[in-house]
Amino acid sequence: MLQIDHLRKNYKAFSLDCSLRLLPGRVTGLIGQNGAGKTTTFKAILGLIQPDGGTIRIFGKDHRQFHAQDRQTLGVVLSDSGFSGYLTIQDLLPILKEFYSDFDEAFFLEQLQRFHLPLNKKIKEFSTGMKAKLNVIAATAHRAKLLILDEPTAGLDVVARDQLLDLLREYMAADEARSILISSHISSDLESLCDDLYMIHQGRIIFHEDTDVLLSDYALLKVSEAQYCKLDRRYILRQKKEHFGYCCLTNQKQYYLENYPALAIEKGTVDEVILMMIRGDVL
């Protein structure tokens, strides 16, 4: 579906070197701090910036040979772009119908009604949540095979986020060959939606794991100095010195539950893994 090998982009104070795979039928999350390289990666995939090296293949085709007809298979939402605020959705509708040969007008209008988006109100008068809903609806309304979504739920309240996530789940359920590449700062969105997660830090992929494995097998060990000295550290990925002793990240929770029953062992979450992978020390 999407294959990136050592995508490189160099700026004065930042360099990107990113590799990842997105398989059919999967939702893959790209996570990391602001400035880590998520948006740069997305823009390179879409041909909005020129890479300095590496390869990008979409549906097996080099992205440099991806033409206008090929791009109809993509649905895109970028965090720093949207529709002109001077248009209404009624103005936008014929443009979308002309632009996408497979545009599903009935689906589009149904979703507008579902999310209570007015046809004749200027988009500049929409709330942040209304604009976000419109962007995602438009991206899914032409039967795209691949969605590329950069922070699509940013700034939304919990109800609006849940509605958009439901729309994305319905999009995936309608065709098992579809895929989504999504970035978000909201870990609960990723935990409930994504099949696997890549973590990018300072332009490099430092972590990749299936979401189910992360939530079931990863854990934080909270240990005293004395416990730390006796701890089998073969399965510790990162550690961080704390006032009570050490916080250790492992991907072998069951091993420590069985062999160290007296330890304080907390279930890993996306946020905790991000913090430990970035701020923790490698043994």
Protein backbone atom coordinates (compact mmCIF):
# COMPACT_ATOMS: atom_id res chain seq x y z
CA MET A 1 0.00 0.00 0.00
CA LEU A 2 2.71 2.48 1.08
CA GLN A 3 6.41 1.81 1.41
CA ILE A 4 8.96 4.41 2.49
CA ASP A 5 12.67 3.58 2.56
CA HIS A 6 15.11 6.10 4.04
CA LEU A 7 13.12 9.14 3.00
CA ARG A 8 15.54 12.01 3.55
CA LYS A 9 14.90 15.75 3.78
CA ASN A 10 17.45 18.21 5.09
CA TYR A 11 16.80 21.66 6.48
CA LYS A 12 19.15 24.01 8.28
CA ALA A 13 18.24 22.82 11.77
CA PHE A 14 16.50 19.51 11.00
CA SER A 15 17.07 16.35 8.98
CA LEU A 16 14.64 13.54 8.24
CA ASP A 17 15.54 9.89 7.58
CA CYS A 18 12.32 7.88 7.74
CA SER A 19 11.32 4.32 6.79
CA LEU A 20 7.90 2.74 7.31
CA ARG A 21 5.39 0.30 5.79
CA LEU A 22 1.61 0.56 5.56
CA LEU A 23 -0.21 -2.66 4.67
CA PRO A 24 -3.66 -3.09 3.09
CA GLY A 25 -6.48 -3.25 5.61
CA ARG A 26 -4.44 -1.57 8.35
CA VAL A 27 -4.59 1.71 10.22
CA THR A 28 -1.06 2.88 11.03
CA GLY A 29 -0.29 5.73 13.42
CA LEU A 30 2.72 8.03 13.22
CA ILE A 31 3.41 9.58 16.62
CA GLY A 32 5.98 11.99 17.98
CA GLN A 33 6.56 15.46 19.37
CA ASN A 34 5.94 18.66 17.43
CA GLY A 35 8.81 19.11 15.01
CA ALA A 36 9.72 15.42 15.02
CA GLY A 37 9.10 15.03 11.26
CA LYS A 38 5.49 13.82 10.95
CA THR A 39 4.21 16.62 8.70
CA THR A 40 7.42 16.63 6.65
CA THR A 41 6.91 12.92 5.99
CA PHE A 42 3.29 13.44 4.97
CA LYS A 43 4.15 16.30 2.62
CA ALA A 44 6.92 14.26 0.98
CA ILE A 45 4.50 11.36 0.40
CA LEU A 46 2.08 13.75 -1.30
CA GLY A 47 4.74 15.42 -3.43
CA LEU A 48 4.31 18.79 -1.70
CA ILE A 49 8.03 18.93 -0.90
CA GLN A 50 10.94 17.44 -2.81
CA PRO A 51 12.85 14.75 -0.88
CA ASP A 52 16.64 14.80 -0.81
CA GLY A 53 16.86 11.02 -1.03
CA GLY A 54 15.20 7.68 -0.43
CA THR A 55 12.16 6.08 -2.06
CA ILE A 56 8.40 6.38 -1.64
CA ARG A 57 6.14 3.82 -3.30
CA ILE A 58 2.34 4.10 -3.24
CA PHE A 59 0.41 1.05 -4.46
CA GLY A 60 3.75 -0.22 -5.78
CA LYS A 61 4.35 2.91 -7.88
CA ASP A 62 7.14 5.43 -7.38
CA HIS A 63 5.57 8.63 -6.00
CA ARG A 64 7.34 10.69 -8.68
CA GLN A 65 5.29 8.81 -11.29
CA PHE A 66 2.03 9.34 -9.39
CA HIS A 67 -0.20 11.38 -11.71
CA ALA A 68 -3.50 13.19 -11.28
CA GLN A 69 -5.57 10.07 -11.97
CA ASP A 70 -3.52 8.09 -9.42
CA ARG A 71 -4.12 10.76 -6.79
CA GLN A 72 -7.84 10.11 -6.96
CA THR A 73 -7.12 6.96 -4.94
CA LEU A 74 -5.91 9.13 -2.02
CA GLY A 75 -7.91 11.00 0.60
CA VAL A 76 -5.94 13.69 2.40
CA VAL A 77 -6.33 15.90 5.46
CA LEU A 78 -3.35 18.08 6.42
CA SER A 79 -3.15 19.98 9.68
CA ASP A 80 -2.26 23.29 8.04
CA SER A 81 -4.68 23.28 5.11
CA GLY A 82 -8.39 23.24 4.31
CA PHE A 83 -11.04 24.66 2.02
CA SER A 84 -11.39 28.36 1.27
CA GLY A 85 -13.34 30.09 4.00
CA TYR A 86 -15.22 32.17 1.44
CA LEU A 87 -16.95 29.10 0.01
CA THR A 88 -20.04 27.38 1.30
CA ILE A 89 -20.43 23.61 1.11
CA GLN A 90 -23.00 24.24 -1.63
CA ASP A 91 -20.23 26.05 -3.56
CA LEU A 92 -17.80 23.23 -2.81
CA LEU A 93 -20.03 20.38 -3.96
CA PRO A 94 -19.72 20.87 -7.76
CA ILE A 95 -15.95 21.33 -7.39
CA LEU A 96 -15.60 17.99 -5.61
CA LYS A 97 -17.87 16.28 -8.15
CA GLU A 98 -15.76 17.65 -11.00
CA PHE A 99 -12.44 16.82 -9.31
CA TYR A 100 -13.20 13.22 -8.27
CA SER A 101 -14.63 10.81 -10.83
CA ASP A 102 -15.83 8.46 -8.05
CA PHE A 103 -17.27 11.18 -5.81
CA ASP A 104 -20.26 9.78 -3.90
CA GLU A 105 -22.64 12.74 -3.61
CA ALA A 106 -25.28 10.76 -1.72
CA PHE A 107 -22.73 9.66 0.90
CA PHE A 108 -21.35 13.20 1.17
CA LEU A 109 -24.77 14.75 1.74
CA GLU A 110 -25.73 12.00 4.19
CA GLN A 111 -22.63 12.67 6.29
CA LEU A 112 -23.22 16.43 6.22
CA GLN A 113 -26.67 15.82 7.65
CA ARG A 114 -25.34 13.34 10.18
CA PHE A 115 -22.77 15.86 11.48
CA HIS A 116 -25.14 18.85 11.21
CA LEU A 117 -23.02 20.81 8.73
CA PRO A 118 -24.95 23.60 6.93
CA LEU A 119 -24.84 23.79 3.15
CA ASN A 120 -25.17 27.56 2.80
CA LYS A 121 -22.96 28.91 5.59
CA LYS A 122 -19.50 30.19 4.69
CA ILE A 123 -16.76 27.82 5.85
CA LYS A 124 -14.92 30.69 7.55
CA GLU A 125 -17.87 30.88 9.96
CA PHE A 126 -17.54 27.19 10.89
CA SER A 127 -16.14 26.18 14.27
CA THR A 128 -12.86 24.24 14.42
CA GLY A 129 -14.83 21.04 14.90
CA MET A 130 -17.09 21.71 11.92
CA LYS A 131 -14.11 22.36 9.65
CA ALA A 132 -12.42 19.15 10.82
CA LYS A 133 -15.57 17.13 10.13
CA LEU A 134 -15.92 18.63 6.66
CA ASN A 135 -12.27 17.83 5.83
CA VAL A 136 -12.62 14.17 6.83
CA ILE A 137 -16.00 13.74 5.12
CA ALA A 138 -14.59 15.16 1.88
CA ALA A 139 -11.53 12.90 2.13
CA THR A 140 -13.68 9.78 2.46
CA ALA A 141 -16.40 10.69 -0.07
CA HIS A 142 -14.65 9.56 -3.25
CA ARG A 143 -13.92 5.91 -2.31
CA ALA A 144 -10.22 6.55 -1.71
CA LYS A 145 -8.09 3.46 -1.10
CA LEU A 146 -5.62 5.27 1.17
CA LEU A 147 -6.30 8.04 3.66
CA ILE A 148 -3.41 10.24 4.81
CA LEU A 149 -4.53 12.21 7.85
CA ASP A 150 -2.30 14.69 9.69
CA GLU A 151 -3.83 15.59 13.07
CA PRO A 152 -7.44 15.29 11.84
CA THR A 153 -8.92 15.51 15.37
CA ALA A 154 -6.77 18.40 16.66
CA GLY A 155 -8.77 20.96 18.63
CA LEU A 156 -11.92 18.84 18.81
CA ASP A 157 -13.87 18.03 21.95
CA VAL A 158 -14.28 14.41 23.00
CA VAL A 159 -17.72 13.99 21.37
CA ALA A 160 -16.58 15.39 18.01
CA ARG A 161 -13.44 13.23 18.09
CA ASP A 162 -15.50 10.12 18.78
CA GLN A 163 -17.80 10.93 15.86
CA LEU A 164 -14.87 11.32 13.46
CA LEU A 165 -13.26 8.10 14.68
CA ASP A 166 -16.54 6.28 14.06
CA LEU A 167 -16.54 7.66 10.49
CA LEU A 168 -13.00 6.34 9.96
CA ARG A 169 -13.93 2.92 11.34
CA GLU A 170 -16.90 2.80 8.95
CA TYR A 171 -14.59 3.79 6.07
CA MET A 172 -12.29 0.85 6.88
CA ALA A 173 -15.16 -1.61 7.39
CA ALA A 174 -16.60 -0.82 3.94
CA ASP A 175 -13.55 -2.21 2.08
CA GLU A 176 -10.93 -4.51 3.60
CA ALA A 177 -8.31 -3.32 1.09
CA ARG A 178 -8.36 0.28 2.38
CA SER A 179 -5.70 1.73 4.68
CA ILE A 180 -5.11 4.82 6.80
CA LEU A 181 -1.90 6.59 7.81
CA ILE A 182 -2.72 8.98 10.65
CA SER A 183 -0.87 11.24 13.05
CA SER A 184 -2.34 12.53 16.30
CA HIS A 185 -1.24 13.92 19.64
CA ILE A 186 -4.23 12.28 21.32
CA SER A 187 -3.09 8.83 22.43
CA SER A 188 -6.58 7.53 23.20
CA ASP A 189 -7.55 8.08 19.55
CA LEU A 190 -4.56 6.04 18.39
CA GLU A 191 -5.08 3.27 20.92
CA SER A 192 -8.67 2.72 19.80
CA LEU A 193 -8.12 3.12 16.04
CA CYS A 194 -4.63 2.03 14.99
CA ASP A 195 -3.38 -1.47 14.26
CA ASP A 196 0.25 -0.44 14.66
CA LEU A 197 2.30 2.60 15.63
CA TYR A 198 5.53 4.17 14.46
CA MET A 199 7.26 6.69 16.72
CA ILE A 200 9.40 9.38 15.11
CA HIS A 201 11.89 11.47 17.10
CA GLN A 202 14.25 14.10 15.69
CA GLY A 203 13.56 12.87 12.17
CA ARG A 204 14.20 9.15 12.87
CA ILE A 205 11.86 6.22 13.48
CA ILE A 206 12.81 4.94 16.94
CA PHE A 207 9.94 2.54 17.63
CA HIS A 208 7.43 0.34 15.79
CA GLU A 209 4.91 -2.00 17.39
CA ASP A 210 1.44 -3.45 16.95
CA THR A 211 -0.96 -1.51 19.15
CA ASP A 212 -2.40 -4.68 20.71
CA VAL A 213 1.09 -5.86 21.65
CA LEU A 214 1.97 -2.47 23.13
CA LEU A 215 -1.15 -2.43 25.30
CA SER A 216 -0.82 -6.06 26.41
CA ASP A 217 2.92 -6.66 26.75
CA TYR A 218 4.47 -3.30 27.61
CA ALA A 219 4.68 -2.10 31.19
CA LEU A 220 6.42 0.32 33.52
CA LEU A 221 8.32 -1.14 36.45
CA LYS A 222 8.58 1.21 39.45
CA VAL A 223 11.51 -0.08 41.49
CA SER A 224 13.59 1.06 44.45
CA GLU A 225 17.38 1.24 44.33
CA ALA A 226 17.60 -2.12 46.10
CA GLN A 227 15.08 -3.75 43.75
CA TYR A 228 16.87 -2.30 40.74
CA CYS A 229 20.18 -3.87 41.79
CA LYS A 230 18.55 -7.34 41.85
CA LEU A 231 16.48 -6.85 38.69
CA ASP A 232 17.03 -8.94 35.56
CA ARG A 233 17.43 -6.12 33.05
CA ARG A 234 17.59 -8.19 29.85
CA TYR A 235 14.08 -7.06 28.86
CA ILE A 236 14.36 -3.40 29.86
CA LEU A 237 14.06 -1.09 26.84
CA ARG A 238 14.53 2.25 28.62
CA GLN A 239 15.09 3.39 32.19
CA LYS A 240 14.75 6.73 33.94
CA LYS A 241 16.06 7.75 37.36
CA GLU A 242 13.28 8.88 39.70
CA HIS A 243 13.15 10.09 43.31
CA PHE A 244 11.96 6.64 44.46
CA GLY A 245 14.54 4.72 42.44
CA TYR A 246 13.98 3.85 38.77
CA CYS A 247 11.17 3.69 36.24
CA CYS A 248 11.85 0.99 33.65
CA LEU A 249 10.04 0.29 30.37
CA THR A 250 9.72 -3.35 29.32
CA ASN A 251 7.97 -5.22 26.52
CA GLN A 252 7.90 -8.43 28.61
CA LYS A 253 5.34 -7.57 31.29
CA GLN A 254 4.40 -11.19 31.95
CA TYR A 255 8.01 -12.17 32.70
CA TYR A 256 8.27 -9.60 35.47
CA LEU A 257 4.79 -10.40 36.82
CA GLU A 258 5.78 -14.04 37.19
CA ASN A 259 9.32 -13.57 38.48
CA TYR A 260 9.03 -10.35 40.52
CA PRO A 261 5.59 -10.43 42.20
CA ALA A 262 6.59 -7.75 44.73
CA LEU A 263 7.33 -5.11 42.05
CA ALA A 264 4.99 -2.22 41.24
CA ILE A 265 4.11 -2.96 37.61
CA GLU A 266 1.89 -0.57 35.66
CA LYS A 267 0.29 -1.25 32.28
CA GLY A 268 1.96 0.59 29.41
CA THR A 269 0.09 3.21 27.41
CA VAL A 270 1.00 5.09 24.24
CA ASP A 271 1.79 8.26 26.21
CA GLU A 272 4.03 6.42 28.67
CA VAL A 273 5.89 4.59 25.93
CA ILE A 274 6.46 7.89 24.09
CA LEU A 275 7.84 9.52 27.25
CA MET A 276 10.13 6.62 28.10
CA MET A 277 11.41 6.12 24.56
CA ILE A 278 12.26 9.83 24.28
CA ARG A 279 13.33 10.71 27.83
CA GLY A 280 14.53 7.36 29.12
CA ASP A 281 18.09 6.07 28.95
CA VAL A 282 19.21 3.02 26.98
CA LEU A 283 20.96 0.40 29.14
